[in-house]
């Protein structure tokens, strides 16, 4: 996926991500701007959850939006 497509996908998913992890701010999401791997690490640290759980939940969000699970390079 090219950078432009990844960025567009990230913007579309932001609302669903904030619903899932309610403590996230727009600043948190802006910091990662579609960089899925770094975002997953941040969620792991902040919420004390496993990488697999974060990846699974992101994939569920992707599917709910009708998207593939390849945004941001995962």
N, C-alpha and C. Protein backbone atom coordinates (compact mmCIF):
# COMPACT_ATOMS: atom_id res chain seq x y z
N UNK A 1 0.85 -1.17 0.00
CA UNK A 1 0.00 0.00 0.00
C UNK A 1 0.89 1.23 0.00
N UNK A 2 0.57 2.19 -0.86
CA UNK A 2 1.41 3.39 -0.90
C UNK A 2 1.06 4.32 0.26
N UNK A 3 1.94 5.26 0.49
CA UNK A 3 1.80 6.14 1.65
C UNK A 3 0.49 6.92 1.64
N UNK A 4 0.08 7.42 0.50
CA UNK A 4 -1.15 8.21 0.41
C UNK A 4 -2.36 7.36 0.79
N UNK A 5 -2.41 6.14 0.29
CA UNK A 5 -3.52 5.25 0.61
C UNK A 5 -3.53 4.89 2.10
N UNK A 6 -2.34 4.64 2.65
CA UNK A 6 -2.24 4.31 4.08
C UNK A 6 -2.72 5.47 4.93
N UNK A 7 -2.35 6.69 4.55
CA UNK A 7 -2.77 7.87 5.31
C UNK A 7 -4.28 8.06 5.24
N UNK A 8 -4.86 7.86 4.06
CA UNK A 8 -6.31 8.00 3.91
C UNK A 8 -7.04 6.95 4.75
N UNK A 9 -6.52 5.75 4.74
CA UNK A 9 -7.12 4.67 5.51
C UNK A 9 -7.05 4.98 7.01
N UNK A 10 -5.91 5.49 7.45
CA UNK A 10 -5.72 5.85 8.86
C UNK A 10 -6.77 6.87 9.29
N UNK A 11 -6.99 7.89 8.48
CA UNK A 11 -7.95 8.93 8.82
C UNK A 11 -9.36 8.36 8.93
N UNK A 12 -9.69 7.42 8.06
CA UNK A 12 -11.01 6.81 8.09
C UNK A 12 -11.21 5.94 9.33
N UNK A 13 -10.14 5.37 9.83
CA UNK A 13 -10.23 4.44 10.97
C UNK A 13 -10.13 5.12 12.33
N UNK A 14 -9.72 6.37 12.36
CA UNK A 14 -9.47 7.07 13.63
C UNK A 14 -10.66 7.03 14.59
N UNK A 15 -11.84 7.30 14.09
CA UNK A 15 -13.02 7.32 14.96
C UNK A 15 -13.28 5.98 15.61
N UNK A 16 -13.17 4.92 14.83
CA UNK A 16 -13.39 3.57 15.38
C UNK A 16 -12.30 3.22 16.39
N UNK A 17 -11.10 3.64 16.12
CA UNK A 17 -9.99 3.37 17.04
C UNK A 17 -10.24 4.08 18.37
N UNK A 18 -10.70 5.32 18.30
CA UNK A 18 -10.97 6.07 19.53
C UNK A 18 -12.13 5.45 20.31
N UNK A 19 -13.09 4.83 19.62
CA UNK A 19 -14.16 4.13 20.31
C UNK A 19 -13.61 2.91 21.05
N UNK A 20 -12.67 2.23 20.45
CA UNK A 20 -12.11 1.02 21.03
C UNK A 20 -11.20 1.33 22.21
N UNK A 21 -10.34 2.33 22.04
CA UNK A 21 -9.40 2.73 23.10
C UNK A 21 -9.75 4.16 23.47
N UNK A 22 -10.73 4.30 24.36
CA UNK A 22 -11.35 5.58 24.67
C UNK A 22 -10.44 6.64 25.27
N UNK A 23 -9.31 6.25 25.83
CA UNK A 23 -8.41 7.23 26.43
C UNK A 23 -7.49 7.90 25.42
N UNK A 24 -7.51 7.44 24.19
CA UNK A 24 -6.64 8.03 23.18
C UNK A 24 -7.12 9.42 22.80
N UNK A 25 -6.18 10.30 22.58
CA UNK A 25 -6.50 11.66 22.15
C UNK A 25 -6.18 11.81 20.67
N UNK A 26 -6.63 12.90 20.09
CA UNK A 26 -6.27 13.19 18.71
C UNK A 26 -4.75 13.34 18.59
N UNK A 27 -4.12 13.90 19.61
CA UNK A 27 -2.66 14.03 19.59
C UNK A 27 -1.98 12.67 19.53
N UNK A 28 -2.51 11.68 20.29
CA UNK A 28 -1.96 10.33 20.22
C UNK A 28 -2.04 9.80 18.79
N UNK A 29 -3.20 9.94 18.19
CA UNK A 29 -3.40 9.42 16.84
C UNK A 29 -2.58 10.19 15.81
N UNK A 30 -2.45 11.50 15.99
CA UNK A 30 -1.64 12.30 15.07
C UNK A 30 -0.17 11.87 15.12
N UNK A 31 0.29 11.50 16.30
CA UNK A 31 1.69 11.12 16.45
C UNK A 31 2.05 9.91 15.60
N UNK A 32 1.10 8.99 15.44
CA UNK A 32 1.40 7.76 14.70
C UNK A 32 0.99 7.84 13.24
N UNK A 33 0.05 8.69 12.89
CA UNK A 33 -0.31 9.02 11.52
C UNK A 33 -0.17 7.84 10.55
N UNK A 34 -0.81 6.73 10.87
CA UNK A 34 -0.83 5.58 9.96
C UNK A 34 0.30 4.59 10.14
N UNK A 35 1.19 4.82 11.07
CA UNK A 35 2.31 3.90 11.33
C UNK A 35 1.83 2.83 12.30
N UNK A 36 1.27 1.79 11.73
CA UNK A 36 0.60 0.77 12.54
C UNK A 36 1.53 0.11 13.56
N UNK A 37 2.73 -0.24 13.19
CA UNK A 37 3.62 -0.95 14.10
C UNK A 37 3.90 -0.11 15.35
N UNK A 38 4.20 1.16 15.17
CA UNK A 38 4.46 2.04 16.31
C UNK A 38 3.20 2.25 17.13
N UNK A 39 2.07 2.34 16.46
CA UNK A 39 0.80 2.51 17.15
C UNK A 39 0.49 1.29 18.02
N UNK A 40 0.70 0.10 17.49
CA UNK A 40 0.45 -1.12 18.25
C UNK A 40 1.31 -1.13 19.52
N UNK A 41 2.57 -0.76 19.39
CA UNK A 41 3.46 -0.70 20.56
C UNK A 41 2.96 0.28 21.60
N UNK A 42 2.47 1.42 21.16
CA UNK A 42 1.94 2.43 22.07
C UNK A 42 0.72 1.89 22.83
N UNK A 43 -0.18 1.23 22.12
CA UNK A 43 -1.37 0.67 22.75
C UNK A 43 -0.98 -0.41 23.76
N UNK A 44 -0.01 -1.24 23.39
CA UNK A 44 0.48 -2.27 24.31
C UNK A 44 0.93 -1.65 25.62
N UNK A 45 1.75 -0.62 25.52
CA UNK A 45 2.28 0.03 26.72
C UNK A 45 1.19 0.72 27.52
N UNK A 46 0.35 1.46 26.83
CA UNK A 46 -0.65 2.27 27.52
C UNK A 46 -1.74 1.44 28.19
N UNK A 47 -2.14 0.35 27.55
CA UNK A 47 -3.26 -0.45 28.06
C UNK A 47 -2.83 -1.77 28.66
N UNK A 48 -1.54 -2.11 28.59
CA UNK A 48 -1.05 -3.34 29.18
C UNK A 48 -1.63 -4.59 28.55
N UNK A 49 -1.79 -4.57 27.26
CA UNK A 49 -2.36 -5.71 26.54
C UNK A 49 -1.33 -6.31 25.60
N UNK A 50 -1.63 -7.49 25.10
CA UNK A 50 -0.67 -8.17 24.23
C UNK A 50 -0.72 -7.60 22.81
N UNK A 51 0.38 -7.76 22.12
CA UNK A 51 0.46 -7.33 20.72
C UNK A 51 -0.61 -8.05 19.90
N UNK A 52 -0.81 -9.33 20.16
CA UNK A 52 -1.79 -10.11 19.41
C UNK A 52 -3.20 -9.56 19.60
N UNK A 53 -3.52 -9.15 20.84
CA UNK A 53 -4.84 -8.59 21.10
C UNK A 53 -5.03 -7.27 20.36
N UNK A 54 -4.03 -6.43 20.39
CA UNK A 54 -4.12 -5.14 19.69
C UNK A 54 -4.29 -5.39 18.20
N UNK A 55 -3.47 -6.27 17.62
CA UNK A 55 -3.56 -6.57 16.19
C UNK A 55 -4.94 -7.13 15.84
N UNK A 56 -5.46 -8.03 16.68
CA UNK A 56 -6.77 -8.63 16.43
C UNK A 56 -7.85 -7.55 16.42
N UNK A 57 -7.80 -6.67 17.40
CA UNK A 57 -8.81 -5.61 17.49
C UNK A 57 -8.70 -4.64 16.32
N UNK A 58 -7.49 -4.31 15.90
CA UNK A 58 -7.33 -3.45 14.72
C UNK A 58 -7.86 -4.12 13.47
N UNK A 59 -7.62 -5.42 13.34
CA UNK A 59 -8.15 -6.15 12.18
C UNK A 59 -9.68 -6.15 12.19
N UNK A 60 -10.29 -6.27 13.38
CA UNK A 60 -11.74 -6.20 13.50
C UNK A 60 -12.26 -4.83 13.07
N UNK A 61 -11.56 -3.79 13.46
CA UNK A 61 -11.94 -2.43 13.05
C UNK A 61 -11.84 -2.30 11.54
N UNK A 62 -10.75 -2.83 10.96
CA UNK A 62 -10.59 -2.81 9.50
C UNK A 62 -11.78 -3.48 8.82
N UNK A 63 -12.12 -4.67 9.29
CA UNK A 63 -13.23 -5.42 8.67
C UNK A 63 -14.54 -4.67 8.81
N UNK A 64 -14.77 -4.06 9.96
CA UNK A 64 -16.01 -3.30 10.18
C UNK A 64 -16.11 -2.11 9.23
N UNK A 65 -14.99 -1.57 8.84
CA UNK A 65 -14.95 -0.44 7.91
C UNK A 65 -14.92 -0.92 6.46
N UNK A 66 -14.91 -2.23 6.24
CA UNK A 66 -14.87 -2.77 4.89
C UNK A 66 -13.50 -2.65 4.27
N UNK A 67 -12.46 -2.68 5.10
CA UNK A 67 -11.09 -2.48 4.64
C UNK A 67 -10.27 -3.74 4.84
N UNK A 68 -9.14 -3.80 4.19
CA UNK A 68 -8.20 -4.88 4.39
C UNK A 68 -7.30 -4.56 5.58
N UNK A 69 -6.65 -5.57 6.14
CA UNK A 69 -5.80 -5.38 7.32
C UNK A 69 -4.37 -5.04 6.96
N UNK A 70 -4.17 -4.18 6.00
CA UNK A 70 -2.80 -3.88 5.57
C UNK A 70 -2.44 -2.41 5.74
N UNK A 71 -3.24 -1.65 6.47
CA UNK A 71 -2.91 -0.24 6.62
C UNK A 71 -1.65 -0.07 7.44
N UNK A 72 -0.86 0.87 7.04
CA UNK A 72 0.33 1.22 7.79
C UNK A 72 1.39 0.16 7.83
N UNK A 73 1.32 -0.86 6.99
CA UNK A 73 2.43 -1.79 6.85
C UNK A 73 2.37 -3.04 7.67
N UNK A 74 1.23 -3.39 8.27
CA UNK A 74 1.19 -4.63 9.03
C UNK A 74 0.94 -5.81 8.11
